[in-house]
N, C-alpha and C. Protein backbone atom coordinates (compact mmCIF):
# COMPACT_ATOMS: atom_id res chain seq x y z
N MET A 1 -24.28 14.98 -21.59
CA MET A 1 -24.84 13.66 -21.87
C MET A 1 -25.17 13.58 -23.36
N ILE A 2 -24.86 12.46 -23.96
CA ILE A 2 -25.11 12.28 -25.39
C ILE A 2 -26.57 11.87 -25.60
N SER A 3 -27.17 12.40 -26.64
CA SER A 3 -28.59 12.10 -26.89
C SER A 3 -28.73 10.69 -27.47
N THR A 4 -29.90 10.13 -27.29
CA THR A 4 -30.18 8.77 -27.76
C THR A 4 -30.08 8.67 -29.27
N GLU A 5 -30.58 9.67 -29.97
CA GLU A 5 -30.55 9.64 -31.44
C GLU A 5 -29.12 9.66 -31.98
N ILE A 6 -28.29 10.49 -31.39
CA ILE A 6 -26.88 10.56 -31.82
C ILE A 6 -26.20 9.23 -31.55
N LEU A 7 -26.45 8.66 -30.38
CA LEU A 7 -25.85 7.37 -30.03
C LEU A 7 -26.30 6.28 -31.00
N LYS A 8 -27.58 6.25 -31.33
CA LYS A 8 -28.10 5.25 -32.27
C LYS A 8 -27.42 5.39 -33.63
N SER A 9 -27.31 6.60 -34.13
CA SER A 9 -26.71 6.79 -35.46
C SER A 9 -25.23 6.42 -35.45
N GLU A 10 -24.53 6.73 -34.37
CA GLU A 10 -23.11 6.38 -34.29
C GLU A 10 -22.92 4.88 -34.17
N LEU A 11 -23.77 4.20 -33.41
CA LEU A 11 -23.67 2.75 -33.28
C LEU A 11 -23.96 2.06 -34.61
N ASN A 12 -24.88 2.62 -35.40
CA ASN A 12 -25.21 2.03 -36.71
C ASN A 12 -24.04 2.11 -37.68
N GLU A 13 -23.12 3.03 -37.47
CA GLU A 13 -21.98 3.20 -38.37
C GLU A 13 -20.79 2.31 -38.00
N LEU A 14 -20.85 1.65 -36.86
CA LEU A 14 -19.74 0.81 -36.42
C LEU A 14 -19.70 -0.51 -37.18
N THR A 15 -18.49 -1.03 -37.38
CA THR A 15 -18.34 -2.34 -38.02
C THR A 15 -18.56 -3.43 -36.97
N VAL A 16 -18.69 -4.66 -37.44
CA VAL A 16 -18.88 -5.79 -36.52
C VAL A 16 -17.69 -5.89 -35.57
N TYR A 17 -16.48 -5.71 -36.10
CA TYR A 17 -15.28 -5.78 -35.27
C TYR A 17 -15.32 -4.71 -34.18
N GLN A 18 -15.71 -3.50 -34.55
CA GLN A 18 -15.79 -2.41 -33.58
C GLN A 18 -16.85 -2.69 -32.52
N LEU A 19 -17.98 -3.26 -32.94
CA LEU A 19 -19.04 -3.60 -31.98
C LEU A 19 -18.58 -4.68 -31.01
N ARG A 20 -17.85 -5.67 -31.51
CA ARG A 20 -17.33 -6.72 -30.63
C ARG A 20 -16.30 -6.15 -29.66
N SER A 21 -15.48 -5.24 -30.13
CA SER A 21 -14.50 -4.60 -29.25
C SER A 21 -15.20 -3.79 -28.17
N LEU A 22 -16.24 -3.08 -28.55
CA LEU A 22 -17.02 -2.29 -27.60
C LEU A 22 -17.70 -3.20 -26.58
N GLN A 23 -18.27 -4.30 -27.06
CA GLN A 23 -18.92 -5.26 -26.17
C GLN A 23 -17.91 -5.83 -25.17
N TYR A 24 -16.71 -6.16 -25.63
CA TYR A 24 -15.67 -6.69 -24.76
C TYR A 24 -15.26 -5.66 -23.71
N ALA A 25 -15.09 -4.41 -24.13
CA ALA A 25 -14.69 -3.36 -23.20
C ALA A 25 -15.76 -3.13 -22.13
N ILE A 26 -17.02 -3.15 -22.53
CA ILE A 26 -18.11 -2.96 -21.57
C ILE A 26 -18.17 -4.13 -20.60
N ALA A 27 -18.04 -5.35 -21.11
CA ALA A 27 -18.08 -6.54 -20.25
C ALA A 27 -16.93 -6.52 -19.25
N LYS A 28 -15.75 -6.11 -19.71
CA LYS A 28 -14.59 -6.04 -18.83
C LYS A 28 -14.80 -5.01 -17.73
N LYS A 29 -15.35 -3.85 -18.08
CA LYS A 29 -15.61 -2.79 -17.10
C LYS A 29 -16.63 -3.26 -16.07
N LEU A 30 -17.69 -3.93 -16.52
CA LEU A 30 -18.70 -4.45 -15.60
C LEU A 30 -18.10 -5.50 -14.66
N GLU A 31 -17.21 -6.32 -15.20
CA GLU A 31 -16.54 -7.34 -14.38
C GLU A 31 -15.67 -6.68 -13.31
N GLU A 32 -14.95 -5.62 -13.69
CA GLU A 32 -14.12 -4.90 -12.73
C GLU A 32 -14.96 -4.28 -11.62
N LYS A 33 -16.11 -3.70 -11.99
CA LYS A 33 -16.99 -3.10 -11.00
C LYS A 33 -17.54 -4.16 -10.05
N ALA A 34 -17.91 -5.31 -10.59
CA ALA A 34 -18.45 -6.40 -9.77
C ALA A 34 -17.37 -6.91 -8.81
N ALA A 35 -16.14 -7.02 -9.30
CA ALA A 35 -15.04 -7.49 -8.45
C ALA A 35 -14.76 -6.48 -7.34
N ALA A 36 -14.80 -5.20 -7.66
CA ALA A 36 -14.56 -4.16 -6.65
C ALA A 36 -15.67 -4.17 -5.60
N LYS A 37 -16.90 -4.38 -6.05
CA LYS A 37 -18.03 -4.43 -5.12
C LYS A 37 -17.90 -5.64 -4.20
N THR A 38 -17.54 -6.79 -4.76
CA THR A 38 -17.37 -8.00 -3.96
C THR A 38 -16.25 -7.81 -2.95
N LYS A 39 -15.17 -7.19 -3.39
CA LYS A 39 -14.03 -6.96 -2.50
C LYS A 39 -14.44 -6.08 -1.33
N SER A 40 -15.19 -5.02 -1.60
CA SER A 40 -15.60 -4.12 -0.52
C SER A 40 -16.62 -4.80 0.40
N GLU A 41 -17.45 -5.70 -0.14
CA GLU A 41 -18.42 -6.41 0.69
C GLU A 41 -17.72 -7.42 1.60
N ASN A 42 -16.58 -7.94 1.15
CA ASN A 42 -15.86 -8.94 1.92
C ASN A 42 -14.96 -8.32 2.99
N ALA A 43 -14.77 -7.03 2.94
CA ALA A 43 -13.92 -6.36 3.92
C ALA A 43 -14.56 -6.43 5.29
N LEU A 44 -13.72 -6.55 6.33
CA LEU A 44 -14.25 -6.59 7.69
C LEU A 44 -14.90 -5.27 8.05
N LEU A 45 -14.20 -4.19 7.73
CA LEU A 45 -14.73 -2.85 7.97
C LEU A 45 -14.55 -2.02 6.70
N THR A 46 -15.52 -1.17 6.43
CA THR A 46 -15.39 -0.28 5.28
C THR A 46 -14.42 0.84 5.63
N ASP A 47 -13.99 1.59 4.63
CA ASP A 47 -13.09 2.71 4.87
C ASP A 47 -13.73 3.72 5.82
N GLU A 48 -15.02 3.96 5.64
CA GLU A 48 -15.72 4.91 6.50
C GLU A 48 -15.73 4.42 7.95
N GLU A 49 -15.97 3.13 8.13
CA GLU A 49 -15.98 2.56 9.48
C GLU A 49 -14.59 2.61 10.11
N LEU A 50 -13.56 2.38 9.31
CA LEU A 50 -12.19 2.47 9.82
C LEU A 50 -11.86 3.89 10.25
N ASP A 51 -12.31 4.88 9.46
CA ASP A 51 -12.08 6.28 9.81
C ASP A 51 -12.78 6.63 11.12
N MET A 52 -14.02 6.15 11.28
CA MET A 52 -14.75 6.44 12.52
C MET A 52 -14.08 5.77 13.71
N LEU A 53 -13.60 4.54 13.53
CA LEU A 53 -12.90 3.83 14.60
C LEU A 53 -11.62 4.57 15.00
N ALA A 54 -10.88 5.05 14.01
CA ALA A 54 -9.65 5.79 14.30
C ALA A 54 -9.96 7.07 15.06
N GLU A 55 -11.04 7.74 14.68
CA GLU A 55 -11.44 8.98 15.35
C GLU A 55 -11.81 8.70 16.80
N VAL A 56 -12.54 7.63 17.04
CA VAL A 56 -12.94 7.27 18.41
C VAL A 56 -11.72 6.90 19.24
N MET A 57 -10.79 6.19 18.64
CA MET A 57 -9.59 5.76 19.38
C MET A 57 -8.70 6.95 19.73
N ARG A 58 -8.72 8.00 18.91
CA ARG A 58 -7.92 9.20 19.21
C ARG A 58 -8.50 9.96 20.40
N SER A 59 -9.79 9.85 20.63
CA SER A 59 -10.46 10.61 21.69
C SER A 59 -10.14 10.07 23.06
């Protein structure tokens, strides 16, 4: 894990363009995570539930 002080000093050395690129990349990653979470919440059964159902049906 990177220390807070190192992170602060490295962020201070970035240009405005680099900071905007970093902000865009973080926002995109958060959007992907939110979409994946929404997709899994909308599923009828989770993967774990499907596995349990398959196991019960085999018995």
